[in-house]
Structure formats: C-alpha cells, structure tokens
Amino acid sequence: MRESPEGCRLEIRVQPRARRNAIKNESEGALKVAVTAAPVEGKANAACIELLAKLLKLPKSSFSIAAGQTSRSKVVRIRGITADELLARLRATGISV
C-alpha cells in the first residue's frame, strides 16, 4: 500500500475462476483477491474492482487498474482515500495487512 497524490495504490494478487468472490489476507506483500469471473475481456478486473468497492464502501469510479491489466499481480489506484483510511477499512472487515 502506497500513498499517491490522488489517493493510494494497493497491490493485489488475483485468483480468477475461484469458487466464490472473496478477499483474503495479505500474502507475499499483496492482498489476495479471489473472483469467480474468468480472465477474459477484462471480466476478472471488473470483478476485482466491484468486490473492492463493495468491501471498502467506495464508488467503483474511484478504482482503476494502474498496472498489471493482463497479469494476476496488479496495482489498483484508489482515488479519494488515504493509505491510513484504507488500512483502517481493511482491518474493520477482518483483513490483516
């Protein structure tokens, strides 16, 4: 997790075609995000953003994939939130980072 001028950046590791959508604890420096969507035509990326938006209670428009469009390792840019706020929201949901 890094602070940036427009918000913060979060490193995630995506597991497409999972049994259910879920966010798991941090592993190897990245938050693990499991989505049921296949990694085809950006569907897994959209599912990641939708899941993160719901979890963090932010609009989907606040999220964008900054790096790793076609990779399992991604950097998500989140506008309108500080790294401290993001950390607090993740911990409130039971996710340890």
PDB file of N, CA and C in Angstrom:
ATOM      1  N   MET A   1       0.856  -1.173   0.000  1.00  0.00           N
ATOM      2  CA  MET A   1       0.000   0.000   0.000  1.00  0.00           C
ATOM      3  C   MET A   1       0.902   1.237   0.000  1.00  0.00           C
ATOM      4  N   ARG A   2       0.630   2.122  -0.943  1.00  0.00           N
ATOM      5  CA  ARG A   2       1.423   3.348  -1.043  1.00  0.00           C
ATOM      6  C   ARG A   2       0.509   4.550  -1.218  1.00  0.00           C
ATOM      7  N   GLU A   3       0.914   5.640  -0.617  1.00  0.00           N
ATOM      8  CA  GLU A   3       0.195   6.907  -0.768  1.00  0.00           C
ATOM      9  C   GLU A   3       0.605   7.538  -2.088  1.00  0.00           C
ATOM     10  N   SER A   4      -0.346   8.139  -2.791  1.00  0.00           N
ATOM     11  CA  SER A   4      -0.046   8.877  -4.011  1.00  0.00           C
ATOM     12  C   SER A   4      -0.812  10.194  -3.962  1.00  0.00           C
ATOM     13  N   PRO A   5      -0.489  11.149  -4.829  1.00  0.00           N
ATOM     14  CA  PRO A   5      -1.149  12.457  -4.770  1.00  0.00           C
ATOM     15  C   PRO A   5      -2.674  12.399  -4.900  1.00  0.00           C
ATOM     16  N   GLU A   6      -3.187  11.476  -5.696  1.00  0.00           N
ATOM     17  CA  GLU A   6      -4.638  11.412  -5.896  1.00  0.00           C
ATOM     18  C   GLU A   6      -5.344  10.413  -4.979  1.00  0.00           C
ATOM     19  N   GLY A   7      -4.612   9.700  -4.154  1.00  0.00           N
ATOM     20  CA  GLY A   7      -5.221   8.714  -3.256  1.00  0.00           C
ATOM     21  C   GLY A   7      -4.172   7.739  -2.786  1.00  0.00           C
ATOM     22  N   CYS A   8      -4.353   6.460  -3.115  1.00  0.00           N
ATOM     23  CA  CYS A   8      -3.345   5.465  -2.750  1.00  0.00           C
ATOM     24  C   CYS A   8      -3.339   4.334  -3.765  1.00  0.00           C
ATOM     25  N   ARG A   9      -2.329   3.504  -3.660  1.00  0.00           N
ATOM     26  CA  ARG A   9      -2.170   2.355  -4.548  1.00  0.00           C
ATOM     27  C   ARG A   9      -2.118   1.102  -3.688  1.00  0.00           C
ATOM     28  N   LEU A  10      -2.778   0.061  -4.156  1.00  0.00           N
ATOM     29  CA  LEU A  10      -2.856  -1.197  -3.427  1.00  0.00           C
ATOM     30  C   LEU A  10      -2.398  -2.319  -4.350  1.00  0.00           C
ATOM     31  N   GLU A  11      -1.457  -3.119  -3.896  1.00  0.00           N
ATOM     32  CA  GLU A  11      -1.008  -4.266  -4.677  1.00  0.00           C
ATOM     33  C   GLU A  11      -1.902  -5.452  -4.345  1.00  0.00           C
ATOM     34  N   ILE A  12      -2.405  -6.112  -5.409  1.00  0.00           N
ATOM     35  CA  ILE A  12      -3.260  -7.278  -5.218  1.00  0.00           C
ATOM     36  C   ILE A  12      -2.749  -8.438  -6.066  1.00  0.00           C
ATOM     37  N   ARG A  13      -3.109  -9.617  -5.678  1.00  0.00           N
ATOM     38  CA  ARG A  13      -2.828 -10.847  -6.440  1.00  0.00           C
ATOM     39  C   ARG A  13      -4.178 -11.497  -6.686  1.00  0.00           C
ATOM     40  N   VAL A  14      -4.558 -11.622  -7.956  1.00  0.00           N
ATOM     41  CA  VAL A  14      -5.895 -12.076  -8.327  1.00  0.00           C
ATOM     42  C   VAL A  14      -5.907 -13.579  -8.603  1.00  0.00           C
ATOM     43  N   GLN A  15      -6.955 -14.239  -8.111  1.00  0.00           N
ATOM     44  CA  GLN A  15      -7.197 -15.641  -8.418  1.00  0.00           C
ATOM     45  C   GLN A  15      -8.512 -15.714  -9.184  1.00  0.00           C
ATOM     46  N   PRO A  16      -8.459 -15.758 -10.523  1.00  0.00           N
ATOM     47  CA  PRO A  16      -9.690 -15.852 -11.303  1.00  0.00           C
ATOM     48  C   PRO A  16     -10.275 -17.258 -11.233  1.00  0.00           C
ATOM     49  N   ARG A  17     -11.546 -17.372 -11.603  1.00  0.00           N
ATOM     50  CA  ARG A  17     -12.269 -18.651 -11.627  1.00  0.00           C
ATOM     51  C   ARG A  17     -12.288 -19.335 -10.260  1.00  0.00           C
ATOM     52  N   ALA A  18     -12.390 -18.549  -9.209  1.00  0.00           N
ATOM     53  CA  ALA A  18     -12.474 -19.100  -7.855  1.00  0.00           C
ATOM     54  C   ALA A  18     -13.902 -19.577  -7.598  1.00  0.00           C
ATOM     55  N   ARG A  19     -14.097 -20.325  -6.551  1.00  0.00           N
ATOM     56  CA  ARG A  19     -15.442 -20.808  -6.204  1.00  0.00           C
ATOM     57  C   ARG A  19     -16.379 -19.677  -5.810  1.00  0.00           C
ATOM     58  N   ARG A  20     -15.802 -18.680  -5.123  1.00  0.00           N
ATOM     59  CA  ARG A  20     -16.617 -17.538  -4.698  1.00  0.00           C
ATOM     60  C   ARG A  20     -15.738 -16.301  -4.639  1.00  0.00           C
ATOM     61  N   ASN A  21     -16.379 -15.152  -4.697  1.00  0.00           N
ATOM     62  CA  ASN A  21     -15.662 -13.887  -4.580  1.00  0.00           C
ATOM     63  C   ASN A  21     -15.268 -13.690  -3.131  1.00  0.00           C
ATOM     64  N   ALA A  22     -14.001 -13.409  -2.894  1.00  0.00           N
ATOM     65  CA  ALA A  22     -13.526 -13.210  -1.528  1.00  0.00           C
ATOM     66  C   ALA A  22     -12.206 -12.455  -1.540  1.00  0.00           C
ATOM     67  N   ILE A  23     -11.961 -11.748  -0.461  1.00  0.00           N
ATOM     68  CA  ILE A  23     -10.676 -11.098  -0.261  1.00  0.00           C
ATOM     69  C   ILE A  23     -10.018 -11.786   0.915  1.00  0.00           C
ATOM     70  N   LYS A  24      -8.810 -12.224   0.686  1.00  0.00           N
ATOM     71  CA  LYS A  24      -8.087 -12.977   1.693  1.00  0.00           C
ATOM     72  C   LYS A  24      -6.965 -12.118   2.247  1.00  0.00           C
ATOM     73  N   ASN A  25      -6.370 -12.579   3.307  1.00  0.00           N
ATOM     74  CA  ASN A  25      -5.292 -11.830   3.947  1.00  0.00           C
ATOM     75  C   ASN A  25      -4.099 -11.675   3.017  1.00  0.00           C
ATOM     76  N   GLU A  26      -3.271 -10.746   3.370  1.00  0.00           N
ATOM     77  CA  GLU A  26      -2.088 -10.418   2.585  1.00  0.00           C
ATOM     78  C   GLU A  26      -1.164 -11.621   2.461  1.00  0.00           C
ATOM     79  N   SER A  27      -0.596 -11.775   1.280  1.00  0.00           N
ATOM     80  CA  SER A  27       0.357 -12.842   1.028  1.00  0.00           C
ATOM     81  C   SER A  27       1.452 -12.298   0.123  1.00  0.00           C
ATOM     82  N   GLU A  28       2.689 -12.451   0.529  1.00  0.00           N
ATOM     83  CA  GLU A  28       3.831 -12.002  -0.255  1.00  0.00           C
ATOM     84  C   GLU A  28       3.736 -10.526  -0.639  1.00  0.00           C
ATOM     85  N   GLY A  29       3.261  -9.688   0.272  1.00  0.00           N
ATOM     86  CA  GLY A  29       3.207  -8.252   0.043  1.00  0.00           C
ATOM     87  C   GLY A  29       2.014  -7.762  -0.748  1.00  0.00           C
ATOM     88  N   ALA A  30       1.085  -8.647  -1.092  1.00  0.00           N
ATOM     89  CA  ALA A  30      -0.088  -8.248  -1.877  1.00  0.00           C
ATOM     90  C   ALA A  30      -1.351  -8.857  -1.267  1.00  0.00           C
ATOM     91  N   LEU A  31      -2.446  -8.141  -1.374  1.00  0.00           N
ATOM     92  CA  LEU A  31      -3.739  -8.621  -0.903  1.00  0.00           C
ATOM     93  C   LEU A  31      -4.258  -9.642  -1.904  1.00  0.00           C
ATOM     94  N   LYS A  32      -4.715 -10.803  -1.433  1.00  0.00           N
ATOM     95  CA  LYS A  32      -5.223 -11.839  -2.330  1.00  0.00           C
ATOM     96  C   LYS A  32      -6.710 -11.593  -2.585  1.00  0.00           C
ATOM     97  N   VAL A  33      -7.078 -11.539  -3.867  1.00  0.00           N
ATOM     98  CA  VAL A  33      -8.468 -11.303  -4.270  1.00  0.00           C
ATOM     99  C   VAL A  33      -8.900 -12.468  -5.152  1.00  0.00           C
ATOM    100  N   ALA A  34      -9.889 -13.229  -4.698  1.00  0.00           N
ATOM    101  CA  ALA A  34     -10.429 -14.344  -5.470  1.00  0.00           C
ATOM    102  C   ALA A  34     -11.746 -13.903  -6.101  1.00  0.00           C
ATOM    103  N   VAL A  35     -11.888 -14.130  -7.397  1.00  0.00           N
ATOM    104  CA  VAL A  35     -13.117 -13.769  -8.113  1.00  0.00           C
ATOM    105  C   VAL A  35     -13.578 -14.947  -8.954  1.00  0.00           C
ATOM    106  N   THR A  36     -14.881 -15.084  -9.117  1.00  0.00           N
ATOM    107  CA  THR A  36     -15.443 -16.175  -9.902  1.00  0.00           C
ATOM    108  C   THR A  36     -15.315 -15.929 -11.395  1.00  0.00           C
ATOM    109  N   ALA A  37     -15.100 -14.710 -11.799  1.00  0.00           N
ATOM    110  CA  ALA A  37     -15.010 -14.352 -13.221  1.00  0.00           C
ATOM    111  C   ALA A  37     -13.752 -14.932 -13.861  1.00  0.00           C
ATOM    112  N   ALA A  38     -13.874 -15.226 -15.137  1.00  0.00           N
ATOM    113  CA  ALA A  38     -12.740 -15.706 -15.922  1.00  0.00           C
ATOM    114  C   ALA A  38     -11.886 -14.516 -16.357  1.00  0.00           C
ATOM    115  N   PRO A  39     -10.599 -14.755 -16.584  1.00  0.00           N
ATOM    116  CA  PRO A  39      -9.724 -13.659 -17.010  1.00  0.00           C
ATOM    117  C   PRO A  39      -9.842 -13.404 -18.517  1.00  0.00           C
ATOM    118  N   VAL A  40     -11.054 -13.102 -18.955  1.00  0.00           N
ATOM    119  CA  VAL A  40     -11.333 -12.890 -20.374  1.00  0.00           C
ATOM    120  C   VAL A  40     -11.991 -11.528 -20.552  1.00  0.00           C
ATOM    121  N   GLU A  41     -11.472 -10.745 -21.490  1.00  0.00           N
ATOM    122  CA  GLU A  41     -12.062  -9.449 -21.844  1.00  0.00           C
ATOM    123  C   GLU A  41     -12.248  -8.516 -20.647  1.00  0.00           C
ATOM    124  N   GLY A  42     -11.340  -8.579 -19.687  1.00  0.00           N
ATOM    125  CA  GLY A  42     -11.392  -7.682 -18.541  1.00  0.00           C
ATOM    126  C   GLY A  42     -12.436  -8.024 -17.490  1.00  0.00           C
ATOM    127  N   LYS A  43     -13.064  -9.191 -17.603  1.00  0.00           N
ATOM    128  CA  LYS A  43     -14.117  -9.555 -16.639  1.00  0.00           C
ATOM    129  C   LYS A  43     -13.565  -9.751 -15.232  1.00  0.00           C
ATOM    130  N   ALA A  44     -12.392 -10.359 -15.104  1.00  0.00           N
ATOM    131  CA  ALA A  44     -11.798 -10.551 -13.773  1.00  0.00           C
ATOM    132  C   ALA A  44     -11.390  -9.212 -13.167  1.00  0.00           C
ATOM    133  N   ASN A  45     -10.868  -8.295 -13.993  1.00  0.00           N
ATOM    134  CA  ASN A  45     -10.508  -6.962 -13.495  1.00  0.00           C
ATOM    135  C   ASN A  45     -11.744  -6.230 -12.982  1.00  0.00           C
ATOM    136  N   ALA A  46     -12.834  -6.295 -13.745  1.00  0.00           N
ATOM    137  CA  ALA A  46     -14.077  -5.637 -13.332  1.00  0.00           C
ATOM    138  C   ALA A  46     -14.614  -6.251 -12.047  1.00  0.00           C
ATOM    139  N   ALA A  47     -14.515  -7.569 -11.917  1.00  0.00           N
ATOM    140  CA  ALA A  47     -14.983  -8.241 -10.706  1.00  0.00           C
ATOM    141  C   ALA A  47     -14.140  -7.832  -9.498  1.00  0.00           C
ATOM    142  N   CYS A  48     -12.833  -7.656  -9.699  1.00  0.00           N
ATOM    143  CA  CYS A  48     -11.947  -7.204  -8.610  1.00  0.00           C
ATOM    144  C   CYS A  48     -12.356  -5.821  -8.132  1.00  0.00           C
ATOM    145  N   ILE A  49     -12.564  -4.932  -9.080  1.00  0.00           N
ATOM    146  CA  ILE A  49     -12.941  -3.562  -8.728  1.00  0.00           C
ATOM    147  C   ILE A  49     -14.293  -3.544  -8.022  1.00  0.00           C
ATOM    148  N   GLU A  50     -15.236  -4.325  -8.510  1.00  0.00           N
ATOM    149  CA  GLU A  50     -16.557  -4.373  -7.867  1.00  0.00           C
ATOM    150  C   GLU A  50     -16.463  -4.903  -6.449  1.00  0.00           C
ATOM    151  N   LEU A  51     -15.670  -5.949  -6.243  1.00  0.00           N
ATOM    152  CA  LEU A  51     -15.507  -6.530  -4.914  1.00  0.00           C
ATOM    153  C   LEU A  51     -14.815  -5.563  -3.957  1.00  0.00           C
ATOM    154  N   LEU A  52     -13.747  -4.910  -4.427  1.00  0.00           N
ATOM    155  CA  LEU A  52     -13.047  -3.937  -3.583  1.00  0.00           C
ATOM    156  C   LEU A  52     -13.937  -2.745  -3.244  1.00  0.00           C
ATOM    157  N   ALA A  53     -14.714  -2.271  -4.220  1.00  0.00           N
ATOM    158  CA  ALA A  53     -15.608  -1.133  -3.982  1.00  0.00           C
ATOM    159  C   ALA A  53     -16.652  -1.472  -2.923  1.00  0.00           C
ATOM    160  N   LYS A  54     -17.196  -2.665  -3.014  1.00  0.00           N
ATOM    161  CA  LYS A  54     -18.209  -3.094  -2.042  1.00  0.00           C
ATOM    162  C   LYS A  54     -17.600  -3.231  -0.650  1.00  0.00           C
ATOM    163  N   LEU A  55     -16.424  -3.839  -0.582  1.00  0.00           N
ATOM    164  CA  LEU A  55     -15.754  -4.049   0.695  1.00  0.00           C
ATOM    165  C   LEU A  55     -15.366  -2.730   1.363  1.00  0.00           C
ATOM    166  N   LEU A  56     -14.826  -1.809   0.566  1.00  0.00           N
ATOM    167  CA  LEU A  56     -14.324  -0.546   1.119  1.00  0.00           C
ATOM    168  C   LEU A  56     -15.378   0.554   1.172  1.00  0.00           C
ATOM    169  N   LYS A  57     -16.573   0.258   0.661  1.00  0.00           N
ATOM    170  CA  LYS A  57     -17.689   1.208   0.657  1.00  0.00           C
ATOM    171  C   LYS A  57     -17.318   2.506  -0.060  1.00  0.00           C
ATOM    172  N   LEU A  58     -16.786   2.323  -1.275  1.00  0.00           N
ATOM    173  CA  LEU A  58     -16.417   3.433  -2.148  1.00  0.00           C
ATOM    174  C   LEU A  58     -17.054   3.196  -3.515  1.00  0.00           C
ATOM    175  N   PRO A  59     -17.284   4.249  -4.287  1.00  0.00           N
ATOM    176  CA  PRO A  59     -17.841   4.054  -5.630  1.00  0.00           C
ATOM    177  C   PRO A  59     -16.828   3.365  -6.546  1.00  0.00           C
ATOM    178  N   LYS A  60     -17.333   2.547  -7.475  1.00  0.00           N
ATOM    179  CA  LYS A  60     -16.448   1.850  -8.413  1.00  0.00           C
ATOM    180  C   LYS A  60     -15.620   2.830  -9.233  1.00  0.00           C
ATOM    181  N   SER A  61     -16.135   4.033  -9.428  1.00  0.00           N
ATOM    182  CA  SER A  61     -15.405   5.035 -10.214  1.00  0.00           C
ATOM    183  C   SER A  61     -14.126   5.508  -9.524  1.00  0.00           C
ATOM    184  N   SER A  62     -13.968   5.204  -8.236  1.00  0.00           N
ATOM    185  CA  SER A  62     -12.759   5.581  -7.502  1.00  0.00           C
ATOM    186  C   SER A  62     -11.597   4.636  -7.790  1.00  0.00           C
ATOM    187  N   PHE A  63     -11.868   3.506  -8.437  1.00  0.00           N
ATOM    188  CA  PHE A  63     -10.871   2.470  -8.654  1.00  0.00           C
ATOM    189  C   PHE A  63     -10.447   2.394 -10.107  1.00  0.00           C
ATOM    190  N   SER A  64      -9.172   2.093 -10.305  1.00  0.00           N
ATOM    191  CA  SER A  64      -8.661   1.812 -11.649  1.00  0.00           C
ATOM    192  C   SER A  64      -7.446   0.905 -11.514  1.00  0.00           C
ATOM    193  N   ILE A  65      -7.197   0.124 -12.558  1.00  0.00           N
ATOM    194  CA  ILE A  65      -6.024  -0.746 -12.579  1.00  0.00           C
ATOM    195  C   ILE A  65      -4.857   0.080 -13.108  1.00  0.00           C
ATOM    196  N   ALA A  66      -3.882   0.350 -12.248  1.00  0.00           N
ATOM    197  CA  ALA A  66      -2.733   1.177 -12.626  1.00  0.00           C
ATOM    198  C   ALA A  66      -1.656   0.351 -13.318  1.00  0.00           C
ATOM    199  N   ALA A  67      -1.538  -0.912 -12.976  1.00  0.00           N
ATOM    200  CA  ALA A  67      -0.533  -1.785 -13.584  1.00  0.00           C
ATOM    201  C   ALA A  67      -1.014  -3.226 -13.494  1.00  0.00           C
ATOM    202  N   GLY A  68      -0.667  -4.012 -14.512  1.00  0.00           N
ATOM    203  CA  GLY A  68      -0.997  -5.431 -14.487  1.00  0.00           C
ATOM    204  C   GLY A  68      -2.343  -5.779 -15.093  1.00  0.00           C
ATOM    205  N   GLN A  69      -2.756  -5.077 -16.129  1.00  0.00           N
ATOM    206  CA  GLN A  69      -4.053  -5.329 -16.761  1.00  0.00           C
ATOM    207  C   GLN A  69      -4.254  -6.807 -17.112  1.00  0.00           C
ATOM    208  N   THR A  70      -3.214  -7.470 -17.597  1.00  0.00           N
ATOM    209  CA  THR A  70      -3.344  -8.863 -18.037  1.00  0.00           C
ATOM    210  C   THR A  70      -2.594  -9.835 -17.135  1.00  0.00           C
ATOM    211  N   SER A  71      -2.140  -9.374 -15.995  1.00  0.00           N
ATOM    212  CA  SER A  71      -1.375 -10.202 -15.069  1.00  0.00           C
ATOM    213  C   SER A  71      -2.204 -10.507 -13.825  1.00  0.00           C
ATOM    214  N   ARG A  72      -1.836 -11.544 -13.112  1.00  0.00           N
ATOM    215  CA  ARG A  72      -2.505 -11.827 -11.838  1.00  0.00           C
ATOM    216  C   ARG A  72      -2.071 -10.837 -10.763  1.00  0.00           C
ATOM    217  N   SER A  73      -0.858 -10.336 -10.879  1.00  0.00           N
ATOM    218  CA  SER A  73      -0.359  -9.316  -9.946  1.00  0.00           C
ATOM    219  C   SER A  73      -0.724  -7.957 -10.509  1.00  0.00           C
ATOM    220  N   LYS A  74      -1.448  -7.172  -9.731  1.00  0.00           N
ATOM    221  CA  LYS A  74      -1.944  -5.882 -10.191  1.00  0.00           C
ATOM    222  C   LYS A  74      -1.682  -4.800  -9.150  1.00  0.00           C
ATOM    223  N   VAL A  75      -1.687  -3.575  -9.616  1.00  0.00           N
ATOM    224  CA  VAL A  75      -1.659  -2.409  -8.735  1.00  0.00           C
ATOM    225  C   VAL A  75      -2.951  -1.654  -9.007  1.00  0.00           C
ATOM    226  N   VAL A  76      -3.751  -1.478  -7.954  1.00  0.00           N
ATOM    227  CA  VAL A  76      -5.031  -0.783  -8.072  1.00  0.00           C
ATOM    228  C   VAL A  76      -4.874   0.619  -7.506  1.00  0.00           C
ATOM    229  N   ARG A  77      -5.266   1.609  -8.285  1.00  0.00           N
ATOM    230  CA  ARG A  77      -5.256   3.003  -7.838  1.00  0.00           C
ATOM    231  C   ARG A  77      -6.632   3.304  -7.254  1.00  0.00           C
ATOM    232  N   ILE A  78      -6.644   3.857  -6.044  1.00  0.00           N
ATOM    233  CA  ILE A  78      -7.903   4.203  -5.375  1.00  0.00           C
ATOM    234  C   ILE A  78      -7.866   5.696  -5.081  1.00  0.00           C
ATOM    235  N   ARG A  79      -8.764   6.435  -5.707  1.00  0.00           N
ATOM    236  CA  ARG A  79      -8.824   7.887  -5.518  1.00  0.00           C
ATOM    237  C   ARG A  79      -9.737   8.237  -4.342  1.00  0.00           C
ATOM    238  N   GLY A  80      -9.385   9.317  -3.658  1.00  0.00           N
ATOM    239  CA  GLY A  80     -10.246   9.849  -2.605  1.00  0.00           C
ATOM    240  C   GLY A  80     -10.100   9.186  -1.255  1.00  0.00           C
ATOM    241  N   ILE A  81      -9.009   8.463  -1.031  1.00  0.00           N
ATOM    242  CA  ILE A  81      -8.798   7.816   0.261  1.00  0.00           C
ATOM    243  C   ILE A  81      -7.294   7.805   0.550  1.00  0.00           C
ATOM    244  N   THR A  82      -6.948   7.970   1.806  1.00  0.00           N
ATOM    245  CA  THR A  82      -5.540   7.913   2.187  1.00  0.00           C
ATOM    246  C   THR A  82      -5.176   6.470   2.530  1.00  0.00           C
ATOM    247  N   ALA A  83      -3.896   6.197   2.594  1.00  0.00           N
ATOM    248  CA  ALA A  83      -3.422   4.860   2.944  1.00  0.00           C
ATOM    249  C   ALA A  83      -3.877   4.473   4.352  1.00  0.00           C
ATOM    250  N   ASP A  84      -3.886   5.438   5.266  1.00  0.00           N
ATOM    251  CA  ASP A  84      -4.333   5.155   6.638  1.00  0.00           C
ATOM    252  C   ASP A  84      -5.817   4.789   6.671  1.00  0.00           C
ATOM    253  N   GLU A  85      -6.631   5.516   5.913  1.00  0.00           N
ATOM    254  CA  GLU A  85      -8.063   5.207   5.849  1.00  0.00           C
ATOM    255  C   GLU A  85      -8.289   3.832   5.229  1.00  0.00           C
ATOM    256  N   LEU A  86      -7.538   3.527   4.179  1.00  0.00           N
ATOM    257  CA  LEU A  86      -7.654   2.235   3.518  1.00  0.00           C
ATOM    258  C   LEU A  86      -7.297   1.111   4.479  1.00  0.00           C
ATOM    259  N   LEU A  87      -6.207   1.272   5.191  1.00  0.00           N
ATOM    260  CA  LEU A  87      -5.778   0.273   6.163  1.00  0.00           C
ATOM    261  C   LEU A  87      -6.836   0.069   7.246  1.00  0.00           C
ATOM    262  N   ALA A  88      -7.413   1.159   7.735  1.00  0.00           N
ATOM    263  CA  ALA A  88      -8.452   1.065   8.769  1.00  0.00           C
ATOM    264  C   ALA A  88      -9.683   0.337   8.246  1.00  0.00           C
ATOM    265  N   ARG A  89     -10.091   0.617   7.009  1.00  0.00           N
ATOM    266  CA  ARG A  89     -11.271  -0.040   6.430  1.00  0.00           C
ATOM    267  C   ARG A  89     -11.016  -1.528   6.209  1.00  0.00           C
ATOM    268  N   LEU A  90      -9.813  -1.879   5.767  1.00  0.00           N
ATOM    269  CA  LEU A  90      -9.487  -3.288   5.580  1.00  0.00           C
ATOM    270  C   LEU A  90      -9.488  -4.025   6.915  1.00  0.00           C
ATOM    271  N   ARG A  91      -8.890  -3.415   7.918  1.00  0.00           N
ATOM    272  CA  ARG A  91      -8.856  -4.056   9.251  1.00  0.00           C
ATOM    273  C   ARG A  91     -10.251  -4.179   9.837  1.00  0.00           C
ATOM    274  N   ALA A  92     -11.132  -3.218   9.569  1.00  0.00           N
ATOM    275  CA  ALA A  92     -12.503  -3.272  10.085  1.00  0.00           C
ATOM    276  C   ALA A  92     -13.271  -4.456   9.508  1.00  0.00           C
ATOM    277  N   THR A  93     -12.871  -4.914   8.343  1.00  0.00           N
ATOM    278  CA  THR A  93     -13.544  -6.060   7.716  1.00  0.00           C
ATOM    279  C   THR A  93     -12.900  -7.381   8.105  1.00  0.00           C
ATOM    280  N   GLY A  94     -11.840  -7.322   8.919  1.00  0.00           N
ATOM    281  CA  GLY A  94     -11.183  -8.540   9.389  1.00  0.00           C
ATOM    282  C   GLY A  94     -10.004  -8.969   8.540  1.00  0.00           C
ATOM    283  N   ILE A  95      -9.591  -8.137   7.606  1.00  0.00           N
ATOM    284  CA  ILE A  95      -8.450  -8.458   6.753  1.00  0.00           C
ATOM    285  C   ILE A  95      -7.209  -7.869   7.384  1.00  0.00           C
ATOM    286  N   SER A  96      -6.208  -8.714   7.584  1.00  0.00           N
ATOM    287  CA  SER A  96      -4.963  -8.213   8.176  1.00  0.00           C
ATOM    288  C   SER A  96      -3.955  -7.929   7.075  1.00  0.00           C
ATOM    289  N   VAL A  97      -3.401  -6.735   7.129  1.00  0.00           N
ATOM    290  CA  VAL A  97      -2.376  -6.325   6.162  1.00  0.00           C
ATOM    291  C   VAL A  97      -1.179  -5.784   6.894  1.00  0.00           C
TER     292      VAL A  97
END
